[in-house]
Amino acid sequence: MHKYIQTLILIVALSPLGAFAQSPAISKFFDTYRDEEDYTLIDIHGSLFNMFSDKEMKQKKSKIQHIRLLSAPKDKGNLRASDIRSLTNAIKQVDYEDLVTIRDQDTRINFMVLEKGDLIKELLMVVNEPDSFTIMTIMGNLHKDELEDLLDDIEIEGSEHLKKIDKN
């Protein structure tokens, strides 16, 4: 399952997507574990994407306000199963819409969106594996009809399910 983590890191580094309205529980989770030595943290602010010279890519990326990824091995650092359950329960309390749930043996992958009107404010991915936990958020202002176009730039196992989102 480490291929998921490696792919996610590549996605965050290269992909254009976005949304910014993160729940306090998710922000607190990132803040709590951001300095753990054995954890991977990627925190990209949208202004970085303005440096791209390609006009079309720059326009797509201008919708991104923030991308965050935290990947934590469960056998190192301070991450506890109760922290993951608490985060998962807090996410369920917010108006995230489940897009895709993937279960592969002991691994669960959830893709969710937080919408405001016709805009997707946040795309959230949670990967809970037996030996690691990963959460990625992409925040900004993205119209539903732009999501499929932006997802074409992502190459991740399971992302093909996101491309089937109803544009209604």
Protein backbone atom coordinates (compact mmCIF):
# COMPACT_ATOMS: atom_id res chain seq x y z
CA MET A 1 0.00 0.00 0.00
CA HIS A 2 3.02 2.29 0.10
CA LYS A 3 2.46 2.90 -3.60
CA TYR A 4 -0.63 4.92 -2.57
CA ILE A 5 1.53 7.15 -0.37
CA GLN A 6 4.20 7.60 -3.03
CA THR A 7 1.55 8.39 -5.62
CA LEU A 8 -0.10 10.89 -3.28
CA ILE A 9 3.16 12.71 -2.73
CA LEU A 10 3.65 12.94 -6.47
CA ILE A 11 0.08 14.17 -6.92
CA VAL A 12 0.46 16.89 -4.36
CA ALA A 13 3.70 18.03 -5.90
CA LEU A 14 2.40 18.10 -9.47
CA SER A 15 -1.36 18.20 -9.63
CA PRO A 16 -3.68 21.14 -10.09
CA LEU A 17 -6.77 21.06 -7.86
CA GLY A 18 -8.18 23.07 -5.02
CA ALA A 19 -10.53 24.19 -2.25
CA PHE A 20 -10.21 26.32 1.04
CA ALA A 21 -12.69 25.91 3.92
CA GLN A 22 -11.06 23.28 6.06
CA SER A 23 -12.78 22.01 9.18
CA PRO A 24 -11.18 22.91 12.52
CA ALA A 25 -10.67 19.21 13.32
CA ILE A 26 -8.60 18.68 10.17
CA SER A 27 -6.55 21.81 10.81
CA LYS A 28 -5.95 20.72 14.39
CA PHE A 29 -4.88 17.26 13.21
CA PHE A 30 -2.33 18.76 10.80
CA ASP A 31 -1.08 21.18 13.45
CA THR A 32 -0.73 18.41 16.04
CA TYR A 33 1.34 16.09 13.86
CA ARG A 34 3.14 18.44 11.48
CA ASP A 35 6.44 18.33 13.39
CA GLU A 36 6.62 14.58 13.99
CA GLU A 37 10.03 13.41 12.80
CA ASP A 38 8.95 10.19 11.07
CA TYR A 39 5.88 11.68 9.37
CA THR A 40 5.70 13.15 5.89
CA LEU A 41 4.19 16.61 5.63
CA ILE A 42 3.61 18.52 2.42
CA ASP A 43 2.09 21.98 2.75
CA ILE A 44 1.77 23.97 -0.49
CA HIS A 45 0.18 27.40 -0.65
CA GLY A 46 -1.66 28.36 -3.82
CA SER A 47 0.59 31.33 -4.52
CA LEU A 48 3.31 28.87 -5.52
CA PHE A 49 1.24 27.82 -8.51
CA ASN A 50 1.25 31.37 -9.86
CA MET A 51 4.89 30.84 -10.81
CA PHE A 52 3.93 28.48 -13.64
CA SER A 53 4.39 30.09 -17.02
CA ASP A 54 1.87 28.08 -19.06
CA LYS A 55 -1.21 30.33 -19.18
CA GLU A 56 -3.78 27.51 -19.17
CA MET A 57 -2.09 25.71 -16.29
CA LYS A 58 -1.69 28.99 -14.41
CA GLN A 59 -5.42 29.64 -14.79
CA LYS A 60 -6.32 26.18 -13.48
CA LYS A 61 -3.91 26.42 -10.60
CA SER A 62 -5.11 29.89 -9.63
CA LYS A 63 -8.18 28.18 -8.16
CA ILE A 64 -5.95 26.40 -5.63
CA GLN A 65 -5.53 28.07 -2.28
CA HIS A 66 -3.85 25.32 -0.30
CA ILE A 67 -2.79 21.68 -0.57
CA ARG A 68 -1.86 19.71 2.52
CA LEU A 69 -0.79 16.11 2.96
CA LEU A 70 0.21 14.32 6.13
CA SER A 71 1.31 10.70 6.06
CA ALA A 72 2.04 8.93 9.33
CA PRO A 73 3.36 5.44 10.01
CA LYS A 74 1.28 3.96 12.81
CA ASP A 75 4.25 2.40 14.58
CA LYS A 76 6.22 5.65 15.01
CA GLY A 77 5.49 9.01 16.57
CA ASN A 78 2.50 9.95 18.69
CA LEU A 79 -0.39 9.01 16.39
CA ARG A 80 -2.93 6.91 18.26
CA ALA A 81 -5.88 4.93 16.93
CA SER A 82 -8.13 7.10 19.10
CA ASP A 83 -6.82 10.22 17.30
CA ILE A 84 -7.76 8.72 13.94
CA ARG A 85 -11.23 7.76 15.22
CA SER A 86 -11.70 11.25 16.65
CA LEU A 87 -10.72 12.86 13.35
CA THR A 88 -12.97 10.51 11.38
CA ASN A 89 -15.92 11.28 13.67
CA ALA A 90 -15.26 15.03 13.39
CA ILE A 91 -15.19 14.80 9.59
CA LYS A 92 -18.58 13.06 9.66
CA GLN A 93 -19.99 16.01 11.64
CA VAL A 94 -19.12 18.45 8.84
CA ASP A 95 -21.06 18.59 5.59
CA TYR A 96 -18.59 16.56 3.55
CA GLU A 97 -20.19 14.54 0.79
CA ASP A 98 -18.78 11.06 0.23
CA LEU A 99 -17.71 10.62 -3.36
CA VAL A 100 -15.88 7.31 -3.33
CA THR A 101 -15.07 4.70 -0.72
CA ILE A 102 -12.51 2.08 -1.63
CA ARG A 103 -11.87 -0.90 0.61
CA ASP A 104 -9.01 -3.21 -0.30
CA GLN A 105 -8.46 -5.83 2.40
CA ASP A 106 -7.46 -3.81 5.50
CA THR A 107 -7.11 -0.50 3.63
CA ARG A 108 -9.84 2.12 3.43
CA ILE A 109 -9.68 5.09 1.09
CA ASN A 110 -12.32 7.81 1.23
CA PHE A 111 -12.72 10.75 -1.13
CA MET A 112 -15.05 13.51 0.07
CA VAL A 113 -15.93 17.04 -0.97
CA LEU A 114 -17.12 20.06 0.92
CA GLU A 115 -19.36 22.19 -1.28
CA LYS A 116 -20.78 25.68 -0.97
CA GLY A 117 -23.36 26.33 -3.64
CA ASP A 118 -21.88 25.35 -6.98
CA LEU A 119 -18.31 25.48 -5.68
CA ILE A 120 -16.22 22.67 -4.33
CA LYS A 121 -14.37 24.24 -1.41
CA GLU A 122 -12.38 21.19 -0.39
CA LEU A 123 -11.48 17.79 -1.78
CA LEU A 124 -10.50 15.49 1.08
CA MET A 125 -8.82 12.12 0.83
CA VAL A 126 -8.30 9.84 3.83
CA VAL A 127 -6.26 6.64 3.51
CA ASN A 128 -6.29 4.34 6.53
CA GLU A 129 -3.96 1.37 6.12
CA PRO A 130 -2.87 -1.19 8.72
CA ASP A 131 0.59 0.37 8.99
CA SER A 132 -0.03 4.03 8.06
CA PHE A 133 -2.54 6.85 7.92
CA THR A 134 -2.64 9.58 5.27
CA ILE A 135 -4.86 12.61 4.90
CA MET A 136 -4.77 15.03 1.97
CA THR A 137 -6.82 18.16 1.48
CA ILE A 138 -7.00 20.34 -1.59
CA MET A 139 -8.70 23.65 -0.88
CA GLY A 140 -9.87 26.51 -3.09
CA ASN A 141 -12.81 27.39 -5.30
CA LEU A 142 -13.59 24.89 -7.98
CA HIS A 143 -16.76 24.60 -10.03
CA LYS A 144 -18.15 21.10 -10.26
CA ASP A 145 -17.77 21.08 -14.03
CA GLU A 146 -14.05 21.87 -13.68
CA LEU A 147 -13.34 18.92 -11.42
CA GLU A 148 -13.16 16.28 -14.15
CA ASP A 149 -10.83 18.44 -16.26
CA LEU A 150 -8.51 18.97 -13.32
CA LEU A 151 -8.60 15.31 -12.32
CA ASP A 152 -7.32 14.39 -15.78
CA ASP A 153 -3.93 15.63 -14.57
CA ILE A 154 -3.91 13.20 -11.63
CA GLU A 155 -2.62 9.68 -11.99
CA ILE A 156 -3.53 7.80 -8.84
CA GLU A 157 -4.97 4.38 -8.34
CA GLY A 158 -8.66 4.96 -7.65
CA SER A 159 -8.90 8.44 -9.17
CA GLU A 160 -10.77 7.06 -12.14
CA HIS A 161 -13.76 6.76 -9.80
CA LEU A 162 -13.64 10.49 -9.13
CA LYS A 163 -13.90 11.19 -12.84
CA LYS A 164 -17.39 9.70 -12.85
CA ILE A 165 -18.82 12.45 -10.62
CA ASP A 166 -22.23 13.59 -11.77
CA LYS A 167 -21.92 17.18 -12.99
CA ASN A 168 -25.51 18.05 -12.09
